[in-house]
Amino acid sequence: MVSHSHPSSPIVPPSARSIYIEGKKYPLSEQVVKNIETIIGFQAKQEQKLPLHDRFIEKIAAFLGKSEFLLLTVIFCY
């Protein structure tokens, strides 16, 4: 089932409704913008459904994957 409800304020700001390729601006169609907003909304709902422990583990994994963590580890080990 596809939901056709859209928020009153757009998720994608008007300034981001176009892309730049080799310096040229190409506007995105309204359907593409709606699709992007639908995907963003779906992902946000899915993240809210995650149990607390899963969100906690994801935050730890995101930190461990950062270059700052690697730098601190290298500095600490030497």
PDB file of N, CA and C in Angstrom:
ATOM      1  N   MET A   1       0.831  -1.166   0.000  1.00  0.00           N
ATOM      2  CA  MET A   1       0.000   0.000   0.000  1.00  0.00           C
ATOM      3  C   MET A   1       0.885   1.241   0.000  1.00  0.00           C
ATOM      4  N   VAL A   2       0.568   2.210  -0.824  1.00  0.00           N
ATOM      5  CA  VAL A   2       1.349   3.427  -0.942  1.00  0.00           C
ATOM      6  C   VAL A   2       0.590   4.554  -0.273  1.00  0.00           C
ATOM      7  N   SER A   3       1.287   5.292   0.573  1.00  0.00           N
ATOM      8  CA  SER A   3       0.687   6.435   1.244  1.00  0.00           C
ATOM      9  C   SER A   3       0.885   7.667   0.385  1.00  0.00           C
ATOM     10  N   HIS A   4      -0.187   8.430   0.187  1.00  0.00           N
ATOM     11  CA  HIS A   4      -0.102   9.632  -0.621  1.00  0.00           C
ATOM     12  C   HIS A   4      -0.182  10.895   0.211  1.00  0.00           C
ATOM     13  N   SER A   5      -0.077  10.760   1.532  1.00  0.00           N
ATOM     14  CA  SER A   5      -0.122  11.943   2.369  1.00  0.00           C
ATOM     15  C   SER A   5       1.262  12.568   2.421  1.00  0.00           C
ATOM     16  N   HIS A   6       1.298  13.871   2.284  1.00  0.00           N
ATOM     17  CA  HIS A   6       2.554  14.599   2.317  1.00  0.00           C
ATOM     18  C   HIS A   6       2.476  15.642   3.406  1.00  0.00           C
ATOM     19  N   PRO A   7       3.581  15.876   4.088  1.00  0.00           N
ATOM     20  CA  PRO A   7       3.576  16.872   5.151  1.00  0.00           C
ATOM     21  C   PRO A   7       3.295  18.263   4.588  1.00  0.00           C
ATOM     22  N   SER A   8       2.738  19.140   5.445  1.00  0.00           N
ATOM     23  CA  SER A   8       2.424  20.483   4.988  1.00  0.00           C
ATOM     24  C   SER A   8       3.685  21.267   4.666  1.00  0.00           C
ATOM     25  N   SER A   9       4.752  21.029   5.410  1.00  0.00           N
ATOM     26  CA  SER A   9       6.025  21.674   5.080  1.00  0.00           C
ATOM     27  C   SER A   9       6.910  20.626   4.417  1.00  0.00           C
ATOM     28  N   PRO A  10       7.525  20.968   3.297  1.00  0.00           N
ATOM     29  CA  PRO A  10       8.318  19.973   2.568  1.00  0.00           C
ATOM     30  C   PRO A  10       9.567  19.558   3.338  1.00  0.00           C
ATOM     31  N   ILE A  11       9.914  18.286   3.193  1.00  0.00           N
ATOM     32  CA  ILE A  11      11.126  17.759   3.805  1.00  0.00           C
ATOM     33  C   ILE A  11      12.342  18.246   3.015  1.00  0.00           C
ATOM     34  N   VAL A  12      12.211  18.236   1.706  1.00  0.00           N
ATOM     35  CA  VAL A  12      13.284  18.689   0.840  1.00  0.00           C
ATOM     36  C   VAL A  12      13.091  20.193   0.622  1.00  0.00           C
ATOM     37  N   PRO A  13      14.030  21.004   1.089  1.00  0.00           N
ATOM     38  CA  PRO A  13      13.869  22.455   0.938  1.00  0.00           C
ATOM     39  C   PRO A  13      13.923  22.874  -0.527  1.00  0.00           C
ATOM     40  N   PRO A  14      13.304  23.994  -0.860  1.00  0.00           N
ATOM     41  CA  PRO A  14      13.313  24.453  -2.258  1.00  0.00           C
ATOM     42  C   PRO A  14      14.721  24.611  -2.840  1.00  0.00           C
ATOM     43  N   SER A  15      15.679  24.956  -2.004  1.00  0.00           N
ATOM     44  CA  SER A  15      17.049  25.132  -2.502  1.00  0.00           C
ATOM     45  C   SER A  15      17.680  23.816  -2.943  1.00  0.00           C
ATOM     46  N   ALA A  16      17.133  22.683  -2.493  1.00  0.00           N
ATOM     47  CA  ALA A  16      17.703  21.376  -2.849  1.00  0.00           C
ATOM     48  C   ALA A  16      16.881  20.675  -3.922  1.00  0.00           C
ATOM     49  N   ARG A  17      16.028  21.378  -4.607  1.00  0.00           N
ATOM     50  CA  ARG A  17      15.171  20.757  -5.614  1.00  0.00           C
ATOM     51  C   ARG A  17      15.785  20.768  -7.010  1.00  0.00           C
ATOM     52  N   SER A  18      17.098  20.822  -7.047  1.00  0.00           N
ATOM     53  CA  SER A  18      17.808  20.721  -8.308  1.00  0.00           C
ATOM     54  C   SER A  18      19.179  20.119  -8.019  1.00  0.00           C
ATOM     55  N   ILE A  19      19.800  19.610  -9.070  1.00  0.00           N
ATOM     56  CA  ILE A  19      21.132  19.039  -8.929  1.00  0.00           C
ATOM     57  C   ILE A  19      22.083  19.773  -9.873  1.00  0.00           C
ATOM     58  N   TYR A  20      23.344  19.705  -9.549  1.00  0.00           N
ATOM     59  CA  TYR A  20      24.366  20.329 -10.376  1.00  0.00           C
ATOM     60  C   TYR A  20      25.279  19.238 -10.932  1.00  0.00           C
ATOM     61  N   ILE A  21      25.441  19.269 -12.238  1.00  0.00           N
ATOM     62  CA  ILE A  21      26.338  18.337 -12.917  1.00  0.00           C
ATOM     63  C   ILE A  21      27.282  19.167 -13.766  1.00  0.00           C
ATOM     64  N   GLU A  22      28.573  19.072 -13.452  1.00  0.00           N
ATOM     65  CA  GLU A  22      29.618  19.836 -14.152  1.00  0.00           C
ATOM     66  C   GLU A  22      29.259  21.321 -14.207  1.00  0.00           C
ATOM     67  N   GLY A  23      28.758  21.841 -13.094  1.00  0.00           N
ATOM     68  CA  GLY A  23      28.452  23.263 -12.993  1.00  0.00           C
ATOM     69  C   GLY A  23      27.116  23.699 -13.561  1.00  0.00           C
ATOM     70  N   LYS A  24      26.402  22.807 -14.209  1.00  0.00           N
ATOM     71  CA  LYS A  24      25.096  23.154 -14.770  1.00  0.00           C
ATOM     72  C   LYS A  24      23.992  22.709 -13.820  1.00  0.00           C
ATOM     73  N   LYS A  25      22.987  23.573 -13.652  1.00  0.00           N
ATOM     74  CA  LYS A  25      21.877  23.294 -12.748  1.00  0.00           C
ATOM     75  C   LYS A  25      20.746  22.610 -13.515  1.00  0.00           C
ATOM     76  N   TYR A  26      20.285  21.469 -12.957  1.00  0.00           N
ATOM     77  CA  TYR A  26      19.178  20.731 -13.544  1.00  0.00           C
ATOM     78  C   TYR A  26      18.080  20.589 -12.487  1.00  0.00           C
ATOM     79  N   PRO A  27      16.891  21.147 -12.744  1.00  0.00           N
ATOM     80  CA  PRO A  27      15.818  21.029 -11.747  1.00  0.00           C
ATOM     81  C   PRO A  27      15.276  19.600 -11.681  1.00  0.00           C
ATOM     82  N   LEU A  28      14.861  19.207 -10.476  1.00  0.00           N
ATOM     83  CA  LEU A  28      14.240  17.897 -10.287  1.00  0.00           C
ATOM     84  C   LEU A  28      12.737  18.036 -10.493  1.00  0.00           C
ATOM     85  N   SER A  29      12.130  17.023 -11.086  1.00  0.00           N
ATOM     86  CA  SER A  29      10.677  17.069 -11.288  1.00  0.00           C
ATOM     87  C   SER A  29       9.976  16.952  -9.933  1.00  0.00           C
ATOM     88  N   GLU A  30       8.746  17.398  -9.871  1.00  0.00           N
ATOM     89  CA  GLU A  30       7.966  17.334  -8.633  1.00  0.00           C
ATOM     90  C   GLU A  30       7.802  15.892  -8.174  1.00  0.00           C
ATOM     91  N   GLN A  31       7.682  14.954  -9.109  1.00  0.00           N
ATOM     92  CA  GLN A  31       7.537  13.546  -8.746  1.00  0.00           C
ATOM     93  C   GLN A  31       8.808  13.014  -8.082  1.00  0.00           C
ATOM     94  N   VAL A  32       9.961  13.411  -8.578  1.00  0.00           N
ATOM     95  CA  VAL A  32      11.221  12.974  -7.971  1.00  0.00           C
ATOM     96  C   VAL A  32      11.326  13.513  -6.551  1.00  0.00           C
ATOM     97  N   VAL A  33      10.962  14.784  -6.353  1.00  0.00           N
ATOM     98  CA  VAL A  33      11.004  15.378  -5.021  1.00  0.00           C
ATOM     99  C   VAL A  33      10.042  14.643  -4.091  1.00  0.00           C
ATOM    100  N   LYS A  34       8.843  14.312  -4.572  1.00  0.00           N
ATOM    101  CA  LYS A  34       7.880  13.562  -3.752  1.00  0.00           C
ATOM    102  C   LYS A  34       8.430  12.186  -3.389  1.00  0.00           C
ATOM    103  N   ASN A  35       9.094  11.534  -4.341  1.00  0.00           N
ATOM    104  CA  ASN A  35       9.677  10.221  -4.065  1.00  0.00           C
ATOM    105  C   ASN A  35      10.766  10.316  -2.991  1.00  0.00           C
ATOM    106  N   ILE A  36      11.600  11.335  -3.091  1.00  0.00           N
ATOM    107  CA  ILE A  36      12.648  11.532  -2.089  1.00  0.00           C
ATOM    108  C   ILE A  36      12.030  11.760  -0.717  1.00  0.00           C
ATOM    109  N   GLU A  37      10.995  12.606  -0.650  1.00  0.00           N
ATOM    110  CA  GLU A  37      10.332  12.880   0.624  1.00  0.00           C
ATOM    111  C   GLU A  37       9.675  11.622   1.193  1.00  0.00           C
ATOM    112  N   THR A  38       9.110  10.793   0.327  1.00  0.00           N
ATOM    113  CA  THR A  38       8.490   9.547   0.779  1.00  0.00           C
ATOM    114  C   THR A  38       9.546   8.611   1.368  1.00  0.00           C
ATOM    115  N   ILE A  39      10.685   8.498   0.717  1.00  0.00           N
ATOM    116  CA  ILE A  39      11.759   7.636   1.210  1.00  0.00           C
ATOM    117  C   ILE A  39      12.297   8.149   2.536  1.00  0.00           C
ATOM    118  N   ILE A  40      12.492   9.459   2.652  1.00  0.00           N
ATOM    119  CA  ILE A  40      12.982  10.041   3.906  1.00  0.00           C
ATOM    120  C   ILE A  40      11.995   9.760   5.031  1.00  0.00           C
ATOM    121  N   GLY A  41      10.704   9.936   4.752  1.00  0.00           N
ATOM    122  CA  GLY A  41       9.681   9.660   5.761  1.00  0.00           C
ATOM    123  C   GLY A  41       9.655   8.197   6.170  1.00  0.00           C
ATOM    124  N   PHE A  42       9.792   7.302   5.196  1.00  0.00           N
ATOM    125  CA  PHE A  42       9.808   5.865   5.488  1.00  0.00           C
ATOM    126  C   PHE A  42      11.001   5.500   6.365  1.00  0.00           C
ATOM    127  N   GLN A  43      12.178   6.037   6.022  1.00  0.00           N
ATOM    128  CA  GLN A  43      13.370   5.742   6.819  1.00  0.00           C
ATOM    129  C   GLN A  43      13.231   6.269   8.242  1.00  0.00           C
ATOM    130  N   ALA A  44      12.656   7.449   8.398  1.00  0.00           N
ATOM    131  CA  ALA A  44      12.474   8.016   9.738  1.00  0.00           C
ATOM    132  C   ALA A  44      11.540   7.139  10.568  1.00  0.00           C
ATOM    133  N   LYS A  45      10.465   6.637   9.961  1.00  0.00           N
ATOM    134  CA  LYS A  45       9.537   5.752  10.680  1.00  0.00           C
ATOM    135  C   LYS A  45      10.221   4.447  11.062  1.00  0.00           C
ATOM    136  N   GLN A  46      11.034   3.909  10.160  1.00  0.00           N
ATOM    137  CA  GLN A  46      11.727   2.655  10.447  1.00  0.00           C
ATOM    138  C   GLN A  46      12.710   2.831  11.599  1.00  0.00           C
ATOM    139  N   GLU A  47      13.404   3.960  11.628  1.00  0.00           N
ATOM    140  CA  GLU A  47      14.359   4.211  12.709  1.00  0.00           C
ATOM    141  C   GLU A  47      13.646   4.338  14.050  1.00  0.00           C
ATOM    142  N   GLN A  48      12.453   4.931  14.052  1.00  0.00           N
ATOM    143  CA  GLN A  48      11.696   5.073  15.291  1.00  0.00           C
ATOM    144  C   GLN A  48      11.208   3.728  15.810  1.00  0.00           C
ATOM    145  N   LYS A  49      11.016   2.775  14.920  1.00  0.00           N
ATOM    146  CA  LYS A  49      10.534   1.452  15.314  1.00  0.00           C
ATOM    147  C   LYS A  49      11.631   0.585  15.930  1.00  0.00           C
ATOM    148  N   LEU A  50      12.902   0.971  15.722  1.00  0.00           N
ATOM    149  CA  LEU A  50      14.000   0.175  16.260  1.00  0.00           C
ATOM    150  C   LEU A  50      13.964   0.170  17.786  1.00  0.00           C
ATOM    151  N   PRO A  51      14.225  -0.981  18.391  1.00  0.00           N
ATOM    152  CA  PRO A  51      14.322  -1.022  19.856  1.00  0.00           C
ATOM    153  C   PRO A  51      15.489  -0.153  20.335  1.00  0.00           C
ATOM    154  N   LEU A  52      15.402   0.286  21.575  1.00  0.00           N
ATOM    155  CA  LEU A  52      16.411   1.172  22.149  1.00  0.00           C
ATOM    156  C   LEU A  52      17.807   0.568  22.076  1.00  0.00           C
ATOM    157  N   HIS A  53      17.939  -0.718  22.384  1.00  0.00           N
ATOM    158  CA  HIS A  53      19.269  -1.328  22.362  1.00  0.00           C
ATOM    159  C   HIS A  53      19.857  -1.359  20.956  1.00  0.00           C
ATOM    160  N   ASP A  54      19.026  -1.512  19.925  1.00  0.00           N
ATOM    161  CA  ASP A  54      19.532  -1.487  18.547  1.00  0.00           C
ATOM    162  C   ASP A  54      20.017  -0.091  18.166  1.00  0.00           C
ATOM    163  N   ARG A  55      19.264   0.940  18.569  1.00  0.00           N
ATOM    164  CA  ARG A  55      19.696   2.310  18.285  1.00  0.00           C
ATOM    165  C   ARG A  55      21.016   2.613  18.991  1.00  0.00           C
ATOM    166  N   PHE A  56      21.157   2.125  20.227  1.00  0.00           N
ATOM    167  CA  PHE A  56      22.383   2.325  21.000  1.00  0.00           C
ATOM    168  C   PHE A  56      23.571   1.668  20.301  1.00  0.00           C
ATOM    169  N   ILE A  57      23.389   0.447  19.852  1.00  0.00           N
ATOM    170  CA  ILE A  57      24.454  -0.285  19.162  1.00  0.00           C
ATOM    171  C   ILE A  57      24.811   0.414  17.849  1.00  0.00           C
ATOM    172  N   GLU A  58      23.823   0.940  17.136  1.00  0.00           N
ATOM    173  CA  GLU A  58      24.107   1.650  15.892  1.00  0.00           C
ATOM    174  C   GLU A  58      24.921   2.911  16.140  1.00  0.00           C
ATOM    175  N   LYS A  59      24.635   3.622  17.235  1.00  0.00           N
ATOM    176  CA  LYS A  59      25.408   4.826  17.568  1.00  0.00           C
ATOM    177  C   LYS A  59      26.858   4.458  17.889  1.00  0.00           C
ATOM    178  N   ILE A  60      27.052   3.363  18.618  1.00  0.00           N
ATOM    179  CA  ILE A  60      28.415   2.912  18.929  1.00  0.00           C
ATOM    180  C   ILE A  60      29.138   2.518  17.647  1.00  0.00           C
ATOM    181  N   ALA A  61      28.476   1.776  16.779  1.00  0.00           N
ATOM    182  CA  ALA A  61      29.102   1.348  15.527  1.00  0.00           C
ATOM    183  C   ALA A  61      29.435   2.552  14.646  1.00  0.00           C
ATOM    184  N   ALA A  62      28.567   3.559  14.633  1.00  0.00           N
ATOM    185  CA  ALA A  62      28.840   4.765  13.850  1.00  0.00           C
ATOM    186  C   ALA A  62      30.072   5.480  14.387  1.00  0.00           C
ATOM    187  N   PHE A  63      30.218   5.545  15.707  1.00  0.00           N
ATOM    188  CA  PHE A  63      31.396   6.186  16.301  1.00  0.00           C
ATOM    189  C   PHE A  63      32.662   5.407  15.985  1.00  0.00           C
ATOM    190  N   LEU A  64      32.599   4.093  16.106  1.00  0.00           N
ATOM    191  CA  LEU A  64      33.789   3.267  15.863  1.00  0.00           C
ATOM    192  C   LEU A  64      34.244   3.357  14.413  1.00  0.00           C
ATOM    193  N   GLY A  65      33.353   3.714  13.520  1.00  0.00           N
ATOM    194  CA  GLY A  65      33.704   3.827  12.106  1.00  0.00           C
ATOM    195  C   GLY A  65      34.236   5.191  11.711  1.00  0.00           C
ATOM    196  N   LYS A  66      34.301   6.125  12.647  1.00  0.00           N
ATOM    197  CA  LYS A  66      34.779   7.473  12.324  1.00  0.00           C
ATOM    198  C   LYS A  66      36.299   7.543  12.339  1.00  0.00           C
ATOM    199  N   SER A  67      36.822   8.456  11.541  1.00  0.00           N
ATOM    200  CA  SER A  67      38.277   8.627  11.489  1.00  0.00           C
ATOM    201  C   SER A  67      38.825   9.165  12.812  1.00  0.00           C
ATOM    202  N   GLU A  68      38.017   9.914  13.567  1.00  0.00           N
ATOM    203  CA  GLU A  68      38.469  10.416  14.865  1.00  0.00           C
ATOM    204  C   GLU A  68      38.779   9.265  15.809  1.00  0.00           C
ATOM    205  N   PHE A  69      37.951   8.225  15.781  1.00  0.00           N
ATOM    206  CA  PHE A  69      38.199   7.058  16.628  1.00  0.00           C
ATOM    207  C   PHE A  69      39.497   6.381  16.236  1.00  0.00           C
ATOM    208  N   LEU A  70      39.726   6.248  14.954  1.00  0.00           N
ATOM    209  CA  LEU A  70      40.969   5.637  14.483  1.00  0.00           C
ATOM    210  C   LEU A  70      42.168   6.459  14.927  1.00  0.00           C
ATOM    211  N   LEU A  71      42.087   7.771  14.797  1.00  0.00           N
ATOM    212  CA  LEU A  71      43.171   8.646  15.210  1.00  0.00           C
ATOM    213  C   LEU A  71      43.441   8.517  16.708  1.00  0.00           C
ATOM    214  N   LEU A  72      42.403   8.530  17.524  1.00  0.00           N
ATOM    215  CA  LEU A  72      42.572   8.371  18.970  1.00  0.00           C
ATOM    216  C   LEU A  72      43.191   7.019  19.314  1.00  0.00           C
ATOM    217  N   THR A  73      42.790   5.995  18.608  1.00  0.00           N
ATOM    218  CA  THR A  73      43.333   4.660  18.841  1.00  0.00           C
ATOM    219  C   THR A  73      44.825   4.622  18.500  1.00  0.00           C
ATOM    220  N   VAL A  74      45.181   5.204  17.383  1.00  0.00           N
ATOM    221  CA  VAL A  74      46.598   5.219  16.975  1.00  0.00           C
ATOM    222  C   VAL A  74      47.423   6.018  17.982  1.00  0.00           C
ATOM    223  N   ILE A  75      46.919   7.183  18.391  1.00  0.00           N
ATOM    224  CA  ILE A  75      47.648   8.008  19.360  1.00  0.00           C
ATOM    225  C   ILE A  75      47.783   7.277  20.694  1.00  0.00           C
ATOM    226  N   PHE A  76      46.728   6.629  21.130  1.00  0.00           N
ATOM    227  CA  PHE A  76      46.734   5.929  22.418  1.00  0.00           C
ATOM    228  C   PHE A  76      47.701   4.747  22.396  1.00  0.00           C
ATOM    229  N   CYS A  77      47.783   4.065  21.277  1.00  0.00           N
ATOM    230  CA  CYS A  77      48.634   2.870  21.191  1.00  0.00           C
ATOM    231  C   CYS A  77      50.111   3.205  21.081  1.00  0.00           C
ATOM    232  N   TYR A  78      50.455   4.410  20.683  1.00  0.00           N
ATOM    233  CA  TYR A  78      51.871   4.757  20.527  1.00  0.00           C
ATOM    234  C   TYR A  78      52.326   5.584  21.640  1.00  0.00           C
TER     235      TYR A  78
END
